[in-house]
Amino acid sequence: MSNDNPTAAQINAHFSAMDDSVNLINATVADDSEALRNFGDASGVNLMITRNTDHLEIQLGRDWAIADNRSKTSYTDAITAGKSYVAG
């Protein structure tokens, strides 16, 4: 997908992927036992959380995301929660 001038369908797909990151971050912060099983140890979980928070930050900085009128609160809250989790 091009990020320069995405279609409405592409923008919706980006937001859907961002929602997946939010759900993964929030679920892991609430209970990381499954993530620990999947990623082997705290280091692996931290990398996964960091990848997802980075993804959200990058997407929120794109022109199409800035121009979109939907609420960004769930994304910024997940970034904050994920970074706090990683920081310990």
N, C-alpha and C. Protein backbone atom coordinates (compact mmCIF):
# COMPACT_ATOMS: atom_id res chain seq x y z
N MET A 1 0.84 -1.18 0.00
CA MET A 1 0.00 0.00 0.00
C MET A 1 0.88 1.24 0.00
N SER A 2 0.54 2.15 -0.84
CA SER A 2 1.26 3.41 -0.87
C SER A 2 0.81 4.29 0.29
N ASN A 3 1.74 4.97 0.91
CA ASN A 3 1.42 5.86 2.01
C ASN A 3 1.32 7.31 1.55
N ASP A 4 1.62 7.58 0.27
CA ASP A 4 1.63 8.95 -0.23
C ASP A 4 0.23 9.50 -0.42
N ASN A 5 -0.64 8.71 -1.02
CA ASN A 5 -2.00 9.15 -1.30
C ASN A 5 -2.92 7.93 -1.29
N PRO A 6 -3.10 7.32 -0.11
CA PRO A 6 -3.88 6.08 -0.07
C PRO A 6 -5.37 6.33 -0.32
N THR A 7 -6.01 5.30 -0.84
CA THR A 7 -7.45 5.36 -1.04
C THR A 7 -8.16 5.22 0.31
N ALA A 8 -9.45 5.48 0.32
CA ALA A 8 -10.23 5.31 1.56
C ALA A 8 -10.14 3.87 2.06
N ALA A 9 -10.18 2.91 1.15
CA ALA A 9 -10.08 1.50 1.55
C ALA A 9 -8.71 1.20 2.18
N GLN A 10 -7.67 1.78 1.62
CA GLN A 10 -6.33 1.58 2.18
C GLN A 10 -6.21 2.24 3.55
N ILE A 11 -6.79 3.42 3.70
CA ILE A 11 -6.77 4.09 5.00
C ILE A 11 -7.50 3.24 6.03
N ASN A 12 -8.64 2.69 5.66
CA ASN A 12 -9.38 1.82 6.58
C ASN A 12 -8.57 0.58 6.94
N ALA A 13 -7.83 0.04 5.98
CA ALA A 13 -6.98 -1.11 6.25
C ALA A 13 -5.85 -0.74 7.20
N HIS A 14 -5.29 0.45 7.05
CA HIS A 14 -4.25 0.92 7.97
C HIS A 14 -4.81 1.03 9.39
N PHE A 15 -5.99 1.63 9.50
CA PHE A 15 -6.59 1.77 10.83
C PHE A 15 -6.95 0.41 11.42
N SER A 16 -7.36 -0.53 10.60
CA SER A 16 -7.64 -1.88 11.09
C SER A 16 -6.37 -2.53 11.64
N ALA A 17 -5.27 -2.37 10.93
CA ALA A 17 -3.99 -2.91 11.42
C ALA A 17 -3.56 -2.20 12.71
N MET A 18 -3.83 -0.90 12.78
CA MET A 18 -3.52 -0.18 14.01
C MET A 18 -4.38 -0.67 15.16
N ASP A 19 -5.64 -0.98 14.88
CA ASP A 19 -6.53 -1.54 15.91
C ASP A 19 -5.99 -2.88 16.41
N ASP A 20 -5.44 -3.69 15.49
CA ASP A 20 -4.83 -4.96 15.89
C ASP A 20 -3.67 -4.72 16.85
N SER A 21 -2.85 -3.71 16.57
CA SER A 21 -1.74 -3.38 17.47
C SER A 21 -2.25 -2.94 18.83
N VAL A 22 -3.28 -2.11 18.84
CA VAL A 22 -3.87 -1.66 20.10
C VAL A 22 -4.36 -2.86 20.91
N ASN A 23 -5.08 -3.76 20.26
CA ASN A 23 -5.61 -4.93 20.96
C ASN A 23 -4.50 -5.81 21.51
N LEU A 24 -3.45 -6.00 20.74
CA LEU A 24 -2.33 -6.83 21.18
C LEU A 24 -1.60 -6.18 22.36
N ILE A 25 -1.34 -4.90 22.27
CA ILE A 25 -0.67 -4.19 23.37
C ILE A 25 -1.52 -4.26 24.63
N ASN A 26 -2.80 -3.90 24.51
CA ASN A 26 -3.66 -3.88 25.68
C ASN A 26 -3.83 -5.25 26.31
N ALA A 27 -3.97 -6.28 25.50
CA ALA A 27 -4.11 -7.63 26.03
C ALA A 27 -2.83 -8.06 26.75
N THR A 28 -1.69 -7.71 26.20
CA THR A 28 -0.42 -8.09 26.80
C THR A 28 -0.19 -7.34 28.11
N VAL A 29 -0.50 -6.07 28.13
CA VAL A 29 -0.34 -5.28 29.35
C VAL A 29 -1.26 -5.83 30.45
N ALA A 30 -2.46 -6.23 30.09
CA ALA A 30 -3.42 -6.75 31.07
C ALA A 30 -3.00 -8.11 31.62
N ASP A 31 -2.45 -8.96 30.74
CA ASP A 31 -2.03 -10.30 31.15
C ASP A 31 -1.01 -10.80 30.12
N ASP A 32 0.26 -10.80 30.50
CA ASP A 32 1.31 -11.14 29.54
C ASP A 32 1.67 -12.62 29.50
N SER A 33 0.89 -13.47 30.18
CA SER A 33 1.25 -14.89 30.23
C SER A 33 1.24 -15.54 28.84
N GLU A 34 0.26 -15.22 28.01
CA GLU A 34 0.23 -15.80 26.66
C GLU A 34 1.39 -15.26 25.81
N ALA A 35 1.66 -13.98 25.92
CA ALA A 35 2.77 -13.39 25.17
C ALA A 35 4.09 -14.02 25.61
N LEU A 36 4.25 -14.25 26.89
CA LEU A 36 5.48 -14.89 27.37
C LEU A 36 5.62 -16.30 26.80
N ARG A 37 4.51 -17.02 26.70
CA ARG A 37 4.56 -18.36 26.09
C ARG A 37 4.92 -18.25 24.61
N ASN A 38 4.34 -17.27 23.93
CA ASN A 38 4.56 -17.13 22.49
C ASN A 38 5.94 -16.60 22.13
N PHE A 39 6.48 -15.71 22.96
CA PHE A 39 7.74 -15.06 22.63
C PHE A 39 8.91 -15.53 23.49
N GLY A 40 8.67 -16.45 24.41
CA GLY A 40 9.75 -17.12 25.13
C GLY A 40 10.21 -16.46 26.40
N ASP A 41 10.29 -15.15 26.42
CA ASP A 41 10.77 -14.47 27.62
C ASP A 41 10.38 -13.00 27.57
N ALA A 42 10.69 -12.28 28.64
CA ALA A 42 10.32 -10.87 28.73
C ALA A 42 10.96 -10.05 27.62
N SER A 43 12.17 -10.39 27.23
CA SER A 43 12.86 -9.67 26.17
C SER A 43 12.08 -9.77 24.85
N GLY A 44 11.61 -10.95 24.54
CA GLY A 44 10.83 -11.16 23.32
C GLY A 44 9.51 -10.41 23.36
N VAL A 45 8.87 -10.41 24.52
CA VAL A 45 7.61 -9.67 24.67
C VAL A 45 7.86 -8.18 24.52
N ASN A 46 8.92 -7.69 25.13
CA ASN A 46 9.25 -6.27 25.01
C ASN A 46 9.50 -5.86 23.56
N LEU A 47 10.17 -6.71 22.80
CA LEU A 47 10.40 -6.42 21.38
C LEU A 47 9.09 -6.36 20.61
N MET A 48 8.18 -7.29 20.91
CA MET A 48 6.87 -7.30 20.25
C MET A 48 6.09 -6.03 20.59
N ILE A 49 6.08 -5.66 21.85
CA ILE A 49 5.38 -4.43 22.26
C ILE A 49 6.01 -3.23 21.57
N THR A 50 7.33 -3.17 21.53
CA THR A 50 8.02 -2.04 20.89
C THR A 50 7.70 -1.97 19.41
N ARG A 51 7.68 -3.09 18.73
CA ARG A 51 7.32 -3.09 17.30
C ARG A 51 5.92 -2.51 17.10
N ASN A 52 5.01 -2.89 17.97
CA ASN A 52 3.63 -2.42 17.83
C ASN A 52 3.47 -0.96 18.21
N THR A 53 4.17 -0.50 19.24
CA THR A 53 4.09 0.93 19.57
C THR A 53 4.75 1.76 18.47
N ASP A 54 5.87 1.26 17.93
CA ASP A 54 6.52 1.97 16.82
C ASP A 54 5.58 2.06 15.62
N HIS A 55 4.90 0.96 15.32
CA HIS A 55 3.94 0.94 14.21
C HIS A 55 2.88 2.02 14.41
N LEU A 56 2.33 2.10 15.60
CA LEU A 56 1.30 3.11 15.87
C LEU A 56 1.85 4.52 15.72
N GLU A 57 3.03 4.76 16.26
CA GLU A 57 3.62 6.10 16.16
C GLU A 57 3.88 6.50 14.72
N ILE A 58 4.41 5.58 13.94
CA ILE A 58 4.70 5.86 12.53
C ILE A 58 3.41 6.17 11.78
N GLN A 59 2.40 5.33 11.96
CA GLN A 59 1.15 5.54 11.24
C GLN A 59 0.46 6.83 11.66
N LEU A 60 0.47 7.14 12.95
CA LEU A 60 -0.17 8.37 13.42
C LEU A 60 0.51 9.62 12.88
N GLY A 61 1.75 9.50 12.46
CA GLY A 61 2.48 10.63 11.90
C GLY A 61 2.26 10.83 10.41
N ARG A 62 1.59 9.91 9.77
CA ARG A 62 1.33 10.02 8.34
C ARG A 62 0.24 11.06 8.07
N ASP A 63 0.35 11.73 6.95
CA ASP A 63 -0.61 12.77 6.59
C ASP A 63 -2.05 12.26 6.59
N TRP A 64 -2.27 11.06 6.05
CA TRP A 64 -3.63 10.53 5.97
C TRP A 64 -4.21 10.28 7.36
N ALA A 65 -3.38 9.89 8.31
CA ALA A 65 -3.87 9.65 9.68
C ALA A 65 -4.16 10.97 10.38
N ILE A 66 -3.28 11.93 10.18
CA ILE A 66 -3.48 13.25 10.80
C ILE A 66 -4.77 13.88 10.27
N ALA A 67 -5.02 13.75 8.98
CA ALA A 67 -6.19 14.36 8.36
C ALA A 67 -7.49 13.63 8.69
N ASP A 68 -7.40 12.37 9.08
CA ASP A 68 -8.60 11.59 9.36
C ASP A 68 -9.25 12.08 10.65
N ASN A 69 -10.58 12.16 10.66
CA ASN A 69 -11.28 12.74 11.80
C ASN A 69 -11.63 11.73 12.90
N ARG A 70 -11.25 10.46 12.75
CA ARG A 70 -11.58 9.52 13.83
C ARG A 70 -10.68 9.76 15.04
N SER A 71 -11.18 9.39 16.19
CA SER A 71 -10.45 9.58 17.44
C SER A 71 -9.14 8.79 17.42
N LYS A 72 -8.10 9.40 17.92
CA LYS A 72 -6.79 8.75 17.99
C LYS A 72 -6.48 8.30 19.43
N THR A 73 -7.42 8.50 20.34
CA THR A 73 -7.18 8.24 21.76
C THR A 73 -6.77 6.80 22.03
N SER A 74 -7.44 5.84 21.42
CA SER A 74 -7.08 4.44 21.70
C SER A 74 -5.65 4.14 21.26
N TYR A 75 -5.19 4.80 20.20
CA TYR A 75 -3.84 4.58 19.70
C TYR A 75 -2.80 5.22 20.62
N THR A 76 -3.05 6.46 21.01
CA THR A 76 -2.09 7.12 21.89
C THR A 76 -2.08 6.49 23.27
N ASP A 77 -3.24 6.03 23.74
CA ASP A 77 -3.28 5.33 25.03
C ASP A 77 -2.50 4.02 24.98
N ALA A 78 -2.62 3.29 23.86
CA ALA A 78 -1.88 2.03 23.72
C ALA A 78 -0.38 2.28 23.63
N ILE A 79 0.01 3.34 22.96
CA ILE A 79 1.44 3.70 22.90
C ILE A 79 1.96 3.96 24.31
N THR A 80 1.23 4.74 25.07
CA THR A 80 1.63 5.05 26.44
C THR A 80 1.71 3.78 27.29
N ALA A 81 0.69 2.94 27.20
CA ALA A 81 0.67 1.70 27.98
C ALA A 81 1.79 0.77 27.57
N GLY A 82 2.03 0.66 26.26
CA GLY A 82 3.09 -0.22 25.79
C GLY A 82 4.47 0.25 26.21
N LYS A 83 4.72 1.54 26.11
CA LYS A 83 6.02 2.06 26.53
C LYS A 83 6.22 1.91 28.03
N SER A 84 5.16 2.09 28.78
CA SER A 84 5.24 1.92 30.24
C SER A 84 5.54 0.46 30.58
N TYR A 85 4.89 -0.46 29.87
CA TYR A 85 5.13 -1.89 30.08
C TYR A 85 6.61 -2.22 29.82
N VAL A 86 7.13 -1.75 28.70
CA VAL A 86 8.52 -2.05 28.34
C VAL A 86 9.49 -1.44 29.35
N ALA A 87 9.17 -0.25 29.83
CA ALA A 87 10.04 0.42 30.80
C ALA A 87 10.04 -0.28 32.15
N GLY A 88 9.03 -1.10 32.36
CA GLY A 88 8.96 -1.90 33.60
C GLY A 88 8.36 -1.14 34.71
